[in-house]
């Protein structure tokens, strides 16, 4: 994924049929969506906001791991 922008990552995840976090959590019977009916057309529709949140969180975790070494 190095060098890819958020749109390119979203397209890749959709092509590989990777569930969005909401659908993944529902499938695991967890999270706020577990008791809601969701639009099945959106199960692989990743958005930039979600990817930004995940990538920022990953960046923080990576920096923390570097401090421990």
PDB file of N, CA and C in Angstrom:
ATOM      1  N   UNK A   1       0.818  -1.186   0.000  1.00  0.00           N
ATOM      2  CA  UNK A   1       0.000   0.000   0.000  1.00  0.00           C
ATOM      3  C   UNK A   1       0.868   1.258   0.000  1.00  0.00           C
ATOM      4  N   UNK A   2       2.180   1.084   0.132  1.00  0.00           N
ATOM      5  CA  UNK A   2       3.072   2.245   0.115  1.00  0.00           C
ATOM      6  C   UNK A   2       2.884   3.044  -1.161  1.00  0.00           C
ATOM      7  N   UNK A   3       2.763   4.348  -1.002  1.00  0.00           N
ATOM      8  CA  UNK A   3       2.647   5.226  -2.148  1.00  0.00           C
ATOM      9  C   UNK A   3       1.242   5.367  -2.702  1.00  0.00           C
ATOM     10  N   UNK A   4       0.288   4.665  -2.139  1.00  0.00           N
ATOM     11  CA  UNK A   4      -1.102   4.738  -2.609  1.00  0.00           C
ATOM     12  C   UNK A   4      -1.842   5.833  -1.832  1.00  0.00           C
ATOM     13  N   UNK A   5      -2.747   6.540  -2.520  1.00  0.00           N
ATOM     14  CA  UNK A   5      -3.570   7.514  -1.808  1.00  0.00           C
ATOM     15  C   UNK A   5      -4.831   6.816  -1.293  1.00  0.00           C
ATOM     16  N   UNK A   6      -5.614   7.559  -0.524  1.00  0.00           N
ATOM     17  CA  UNK A   6      -6.798   6.956   0.103  1.00  0.00           C
ATOM     18  C   UNK A   6      -7.781   6.411  -0.925  1.00  0.00           C
ATOM     19  N   UNK A   7      -7.949   7.112  -2.038  1.00  0.00           N
ATOM     20  CA  UNK A   7      -8.875   6.622  -3.074  1.00  0.00           C
ATOM     21  C   UNK A   7      -8.391   5.305  -3.662  1.00  0.00           C
ATOM     22  N   UNK A   8      -7.107   5.206  -3.926  1.00  0.00           N
ATOM     23  CA  UNK A   8      -6.545   3.976  -4.479  1.00  0.00           C
ATOM     24  C   UNK A   8      -6.667   2.822  -3.487  1.00  0.00           C
ATOM     25  N   UNK A   9      -6.468   3.113  -2.219  1.00  0.00           N
ATOM     26  CA  UNK A   9      -6.620   2.079  -1.185  1.00  0.00           C
ATOM     27  C   UNK A   9      -8.075   1.630  -1.119  1.00  0.00           C
ATOM     28  N   UNK A  10      -9.010   2.577  -1.166  1.00  0.00           N
ATOM     29  CA  UNK A  10     -10.442   2.239  -1.119  1.00  0.00           C
ATOM     30  C   UNK A  10     -10.829   1.344  -2.289  1.00  0.00           C
ATOM     31  N   UNK A  11     -10.342   1.655  -3.477  1.00  0.00           N
ATOM     32  CA  UNK A  11     -10.638   0.833  -4.656  1.00  0.00           C
ATOM     33  C   UNK A  11     -10.062  -0.570  -4.470  1.00  0.00           C
ATOM     34  N   UNK A  12      -8.836  -0.658  -3.982  1.00  0.00           N
ATOM     35  CA  UNK A  12      -8.197  -1.952  -3.748  1.00  0.00           C
ATOM     36  C   UNK A  12      -9.012  -2.796  -2.764  1.00  0.00           C
ATOM     37  N   UNK A  13      -9.398  -2.192  -1.634  1.00  0.00           N
ATOM     38  CA  UNK A  13     -10.159  -2.923  -0.616  1.00  0.00           C
ATOM     39  C   UNK A  13     -11.504  -3.401  -1.165  1.00  0.00           C
ATOM     40  N   UNK A  14     -12.133  -2.567  -1.976  1.00  0.00           N
ATOM     41  CA  UNK A  14     -13.416  -2.947  -2.571  1.00  0.00           C
ATOM     42  C   UNK A  14     -13.231  -4.098  -3.552  1.00  0.00           C
ATOM     43  N   UNK A  15     -12.204  -4.012  -4.392  1.00  0.00           N
ATOM     44  CA  UNK A  15     -11.938  -5.081  -5.366  1.00  0.00           C
ATOM     45  C   UNK A  15     -11.645  -6.407  -4.678  1.00  0.00           C
ATOM     46  N   UNK A  16     -10.972  -6.352  -3.543  1.00  0.00           N
ATOM     47  CA  UNK A  16     -10.628  -7.566  -2.786  1.00  0.00           C
ATOM     48  C   UNK A  16     -11.764  -8.010  -1.869  1.00  0.00           C
ATOM     49  N   UNK A  17     -12.874  -7.263  -1.902  1.00  0.00           N
ATOM     50  CA  UNK A  17     -14.056  -7.543  -1.082  1.00  0.00           C
ATOM     51  C   UNK A  17     -13.719  -7.652   0.403  1.00  0.00           C
ATOM     52  N   UNK A  18     -12.993  -6.636   0.882  1.00  0.00           N
ATOM     53  CA  UNK A  18     -12.669  -6.513   2.298  1.00  0.00           C
ATOM     54  C   UNK A  18     -13.808  -5.742   2.957  1.00  0.00           C
ATOM     55  N   UNK A  19     -14.430  -6.340   3.946  1.00  0.00           N
ATOM     56  CA  UNK A  19     -15.545  -5.687   4.628  1.00  0.00           C
ATOM     57  C   UNK A  19     -15.122  -4.373   5.274  1.00  0.00           C
ATOM     58  N   UNK A  20     -16.021  -3.396   5.256  1.00  0.00           N
ATOM     59  CA  UNK A  20     -15.770  -2.160   6.000  1.00  0.00           C
ATOM     60  C   UNK A  20     -15.841  -2.488   7.489  1.00  0.00           C
ATOM     61  N   UNK A  21     -15.276  -1.645   8.332  1.00  0.00           N
ATOM     62  CA  UNK A  21     -15.319  -1.916   9.773  1.00  0.00           C
ATOM     63  C   UNK A  21     -16.732  -2.129  10.316  1.00  0.00           C
ATOM     64  N   UNK A  22     -17.701  -1.352   9.834  1.00  0.00           N
ATOM     65  CA  UNK A  22     -19.078  -1.496  10.314  1.00  0.00           C
ATOM     66  C   UNK A  22     -19.614  -2.881  10.009  1.00  0.00           C
ATOM     67  N   UNK A  23     -19.426  -3.355   8.792  1.00  0.00           N
ATOM     68  CA  UNK A  23     -19.932  -4.672   8.415  1.00  0.00           C
ATOM     69  C   UNK A  23     -19.136  -5.789   9.100  1.00  0.00           C
ATOM     70  N   UNK A  24     -17.834  -5.567   9.273  1.00  0.00           N
ATOM     71  CA  UNK A  24     -17.030  -6.564   9.980  1.00  0.00           C
ATOM     72  C   UNK A  24     -17.517  -6.722  11.419  1.00  0.00           C
ATOM     73  N   UNK A  25     -17.731  -5.599  12.089  1.00  0.00           N
ATOM     74  CA  UNK A  25     -18.192  -5.656  13.479  1.00  0.00           C
ATOM     75  C   UNK A  25     -19.580  -6.286  13.574  1.00  0.00           C
ATOM     76  N   UNK A  26     -20.461  -5.968  12.631  1.00  0.00           N
ATOM     77  CA  UNK A  26     -21.792  -6.577  12.621  1.00  0.00           C
ATOM     78  C   UNK A  26     -21.677  -8.088  12.445  1.00  0.00           C
ATOM     79  N   UNK A  27     -20.801  -8.518  11.549  1.00  0.00           N
ATOM     80  CA  UNK A  27     -20.584  -9.948  11.311  1.00  0.00           C
ATOM     81  C   UNK A  27     -20.094 -10.649  12.576  1.00  0.00           C
ATOM     82  N   UNK A  28     -19.332  -9.929  13.397  1.00  0.00           N
ATOM     83  CA  UNK A  28     -18.804 -10.471  14.654  1.00  0.00           C
ATOM     84  C   UNK A  28     -19.796 -10.307  15.805  1.00  0.00           C
ATOM     85  N   UNK A  29     -20.974  -9.747  15.493  1.00  0.00           N
ATOM     86  CA  UNK A  29     -22.013  -9.460  16.481  1.00  0.00           C
ATOM     87  C   UNK A  29     -21.497  -8.517  17.567  1.00  0.00           C
ATOM     88  N   UNK A  30     -20.783  -7.489  17.118  1.00  0.00           N
ATOM     89  CA  UNK A  30     -20.212  -6.486  18.018  1.00  0.00           C
ATOM     90  C   UNK A  30     -20.490  -5.099  17.454  1.00  0.00           C
ATOM     91  N   UNK A  31     -20.253  -4.098  18.241  1.00  0.00           N
ATOM     92  CA  UNK A  31     -20.344  -2.723  17.787  1.00  0.00           C
ATOM     93  C   UNK A  31     -21.762  -2.179  17.767  1.00  0.00           C
ATOM     94  N   UNK A  32     -21.865  -0.930  17.364  1.00  0.00           N
ATOM     95  CA  UNK A  32     -23.149  -0.231  17.391  1.00  0.00           C
ATOM     96  C   UNK A  32     -24.098  -0.689  16.296  1.00  0.00           C
ATOM     97  N   UNK A  33     -23.596  -1.336  15.267  1.00  0.00           N
ATOM     98  CA  UNK A  33     -24.445  -1.745  14.140  1.00  0.00           C
ATOM     99  C   UNK A  33     -24.982  -3.169  14.274  1.00  0.00           C
ATOM    100  N   UNK A  34     -24.636  -3.856  15.357  1.00  0.00           N
ATOM    101  CA  UNK A  34     -24.995  -5.273  15.439  1.00  0.00           C
ATOM    102  C   UNK A  34     -26.497  -5.522  15.409  1.00  0.00           C
ATOM    103  N   UNK A  35     -27.299  -4.559  15.862  1.00  0.00           N
ATOM    104  CA  UNK A  35     -28.747  -4.742  15.877  1.00  0.00           C
ATOM    105  C   UNK A  35     -29.469  -3.909  14.825  1.00  0.00           C
ATOM    106  N   UNK A  36     -28.705  -3.305  13.914  1.00  0.00           N
ATOM    107  CA  UNK A  36     -29.309  -2.474  12.869  1.00  0.00           C
ATOM    108  C   UNK A  36     -29.292  -3.195  11.532  1.00  0.00           C
ATOM    109  N   UNK A  37     -30.270  -2.865  10.701  1.00  0.00           N
ATOM    110  CA  UNK A  37     -30.269  -3.361   9.329  1.00  0.00           C
ATOM    111  C   UNK A  37     -29.387  -2.427   8.512  1.00  0.00           C
ATOM    112  N   UNK A  38     -28.439  -2.985   7.809  1.00  0.00           N
ATOM    113  CA  UNK A  38     -27.519  -2.188   7.008  1.00  0.00           C
ATOM    114  C   UNK A  38     -27.774  -2.421   5.525  1.00  0.00           C
ATOM    115  N   UNK A  39     -27.458  -1.425   4.725  1.00  0.00           N
ATOM    116  CA  UNK A  39     -27.587  -1.543   3.282  1.00  0.00           C
ATOM    117  C   UNK A  39     -26.451  -2.427   2.768  1.00  0.00           C
ATOM    118  N   UNK A  40     -26.788  -3.613   2.318  1.00  0.00           N
ATOM    119  CA  UNK A  40     -25.786  -4.596   1.887  1.00  0.00           C
ATOM    120  C   UNK A  40     -24.932  -4.107   0.725  1.00  0.00           C
ATOM    121  N   UNK A  41     -25.420  -3.132  -0.021  1.00  0.00           N
ATOM    122  CA  UNK A  41     -24.639  -2.581  -1.137  1.00  0.00           C
ATOM    123  C   UNK A  41     -23.383  -1.867  -0.646  1.00  0.00           C
ATOM    124  N   UNK A  42     -23.350  -1.519   0.628  1.00  0.00           N
ATOM    125  CA  UNK A  42     -22.219  -0.765   1.184  1.00  0.00           C
ATOM    126  C   UNK A  42     -21.188  -1.634   1.893  1.00  0.00           C
ATOM    127  N   UNK A  43     -21.336  -2.944   1.840  1.00  0.00           N
ATOM    128  CA  UNK A  43     -20.440  -3.792   2.631  1.00  0.00           C
ATOM    129  C   UNK A  43     -18.961  -3.641   2.272  1.00  0.00           C
ATOM    130  N   UNK A  44     -18.666  -3.258   1.046  1.00  0.00           N
ATOM    131  CA  UNK A  44     -17.265  -3.095   0.624  1.00  0.00           C
ATOM    132  C   UNK A  44     -16.958  -1.657   0.201  1.00  0.00           C
ATOM    133  N   UNK A  45     -17.854  -0.725   0.490  1.00  0.00           N
ATOM    134  CA  UNK A  45     -17.669   0.678   0.084  1.00  0.00           C
ATOM    135  C   UNK A  45     -16.906   1.460   1.141  1.00  0.00           C
ATOM    136  N   UNK A  46     -15.603   1.462   1.009  1.00  0.00           N
ATOM    137  CA  UNK A  46     -14.743   2.178   1.940  1.00  0.00           C
ATOM    138  C   UNK A  46     -14.797   3.669   1.636  1.00  0.00           C
ATOM    139  N   UNK A  47     -14.709   4.500   2.679  1.00  0.00           N
ATOM    140  CA  UNK A  47     -14.674   5.945   2.446  1.00  0.00           C
ATOM    141  C   UNK A  47     -13.388   6.543   3.007  1.00  0.00           C
ATOM    142  N   UNK A  48     -13.096   7.747   2.530  1.00  0.00           N
ATOM    143  CA  UNK A  48     -11.839   8.396   2.904  1.00  0.00           C
ATOM    144  C   UNK A  48     -11.743   8.682   4.397  1.00  0.00           C
ATOM    145  N   UNK A  49     -12.852   9.035   5.023  1.00  0.00           N
ATOM    146  CA  UNK A  49     -12.819   9.349   6.456  1.00  0.00           C
ATOM    147  C   UNK A  49     -12.406   8.131   7.278  1.00  0.00           C
ATOM    148  N   UNK A  50     -12.964   6.982   6.946  1.00  0.00           N
ATOM    149  CA  UNK A  50     -12.617   5.746   7.658  1.00  0.00           C
ATOM    150  C   UNK A  50     -11.151   5.403   7.450  1.00  0.00           C
ATOM    151  N   UNK A  51     -10.699   5.499   6.209  1.00  0.00           N
ATOM    152  CA  UNK A  51      -9.294   5.193   5.915  1.00  0.00           C
ATOM    153  C   UNK A  51      -8.357   6.168   6.618  1.00  0.00           C
ATOM    154  N   UNK A  52      -8.723   7.446   6.649  1.00  0.00           N
ATOM    155  CA  UNK A  52      -7.896   8.438   7.339  1.00  0.00           C
ATOM    156  C   UNK A  52      -7.760   8.086   8.812  1.00  0.00           C
ATOM    157  N   UNK A  53      -8.876   7.739   9.443  1.00  0.00           N
ATOM    158  CA  UNK A  53      -8.861   7.364  10.862  1.00  0.00           C
ATOM    159  C   UNK A  53      -7.955   6.149  11.099  1.00  0.00           C
ATOM    160  N   UNK A  54      -8.104   5.137  10.279  1.00  0.00           N
ATOM    161  CA  UNK A  54      -7.297   3.916  10.428  1.00  0.00           C
ATOM    162  C   UNK A  54      -5.818   4.216  10.206  1.00  0.00           C
ATOM    163  N   UNK A  55      -5.503   4.980   9.172  1.00  0.00           N
ATOM    164  CA  UNK A  55      -4.107   5.273   8.865  1.00  0.00           C
ATOM    165  C   UNK A  55      -3.459   6.143   9.941  1.00  0.00           C
ATOM    166  N   UNK A  56      -4.215   7.097  10.483  1.00  0.00           N
ATOM    167  CA  UNK A  56      -3.678   7.916  11.576  1.00  0.00           C
ATOM    168  C   UNK A  56      -3.407   7.058  12.798  1.00  0.00           C
ATOM    169  N   UNK A  57      -4.343   6.177  13.108  1.00  0.00           N
ATOM    170  CA  UNK A  57      -4.173   5.292  14.261  1.00  0.00           C
ATOM    171  C   UNK A  57      -2.965   4.375  14.059  1.00  0.00           C
ATOM    172  N   UNK A  58      -2.812   3.863  12.847  1.00  0.00           N
ATOM    173  CA  UNK A  58      -1.663   2.997  12.540  1.00  0.00           C
ATOM    174  C   UNK A  58      -0.361   3.772  12.677  1.00  0.00           C
ATOM    175  N   UNK A  59      -0.367   5.030  12.264  1.00  0.00           N
ATOM    176  CA  UNK A  59       0.832   5.865  12.382  1.00  0.00           C
ATOM    177  C   UNK A  59       1.226   6.083  13.826  1.00  0.00           C
ATOM    178  N   UNK A  60       0.266   6.321  14.673  1.00  0.00           N
ATOM    179  CA  UNK A  60       0.525   6.503  16.102  1.00  0.00           C
ATOM    180  C   UNK A  60       1.078   5.206  16.690  1.00  0.00           C
ATOM    181  N   UNK A  61       0.465   4.079  16.355  1.00  0.00           N
ATOM    182  CA  UNK A  61       0.933   2.793  16.874  1.00  0.00           C
ATOM    183  C   UNK A  61       2.353   2.503  16.397  1.00  0.00           C
ATOM    184  N   UNK A  62       2.657   2.835  15.137  1.00  0.00           N
ATOM    185  CA  UNK A  62       3.993   2.599  14.604  1.00  0.00           C
ATOM    186  C   UNK A  62       5.005   3.460  15.358  1.00  0.00           C
ATOM    187  N   UNK A  63       4.671   4.742  15.576  1.00  0.00           N
ATOM    188  CA  UNK A  63       5.596   5.625  16.299  1.00  0.00           C
ATOM    189  C   UNK A  63       5.824   5.132  17.718  1.00  0.00           C
ATOM    190  N   UNK A  64       4.773   4.651  18.383  1.00  0.00           N
ATOM    191  CA  UNK A  64       4.905   4.120  19.734  1.00  0.00           C
ATOM    192  C   UNK A  64       5.817   2.895  19.754  1.00  0.00           C
ATOM    193  N   UNK A  65       5.675   2.045  18.761  1.00  0.00           N
ATOM    194  CA  UNK A  65       6.511   0.843  18.708  1.00  0.00           C
ATOM    195  C   UNK A  65       7.963   1.214  18.486  1.00  0.00           C
ATOM    196  N   UNK A  66       8.229   2.290  17.750  1.00  0.00           N
ATOM    197  CA  UNK A  66       9.593   2.731  17.520  1.00  0.00           C
ATOM    198  C   UNK A  66      10.217   3.281  18.805  1.00  0.00           C
ATOM    199  N   UNK A  67       9.431   3.894  19.659  1.00  0.00           N
ATOM    200  CA  UNK A  67       9.926   4.423  20.917  1.00  0.00           C
ATOM    201  C   UNK A  67      10.337   3.311  21.873  1.00  0.00           C
ATOM    202  N   UNK A  68       9.665   2.159  21.748  1.00  0.00           N
ATOM    203  CA  UNK A  68       9.952   1.044  22.653  1.00  0.00           C
ATOM    204  C   UNK A  68      11.220   0.298  22.273  1.00  0.00           C
ATOM    205  N   UNK A  69      11.661   0.462  21.041  1.00  0.00           N
ATOM    206  CA  UNK A  69      12.872  -0.252  20.575  1.00  0.00           C
ATOM    207  C   UNK A  69      14.128   0.460  20.935  1.00  0.00           C
TER     208      UNK A  69
END
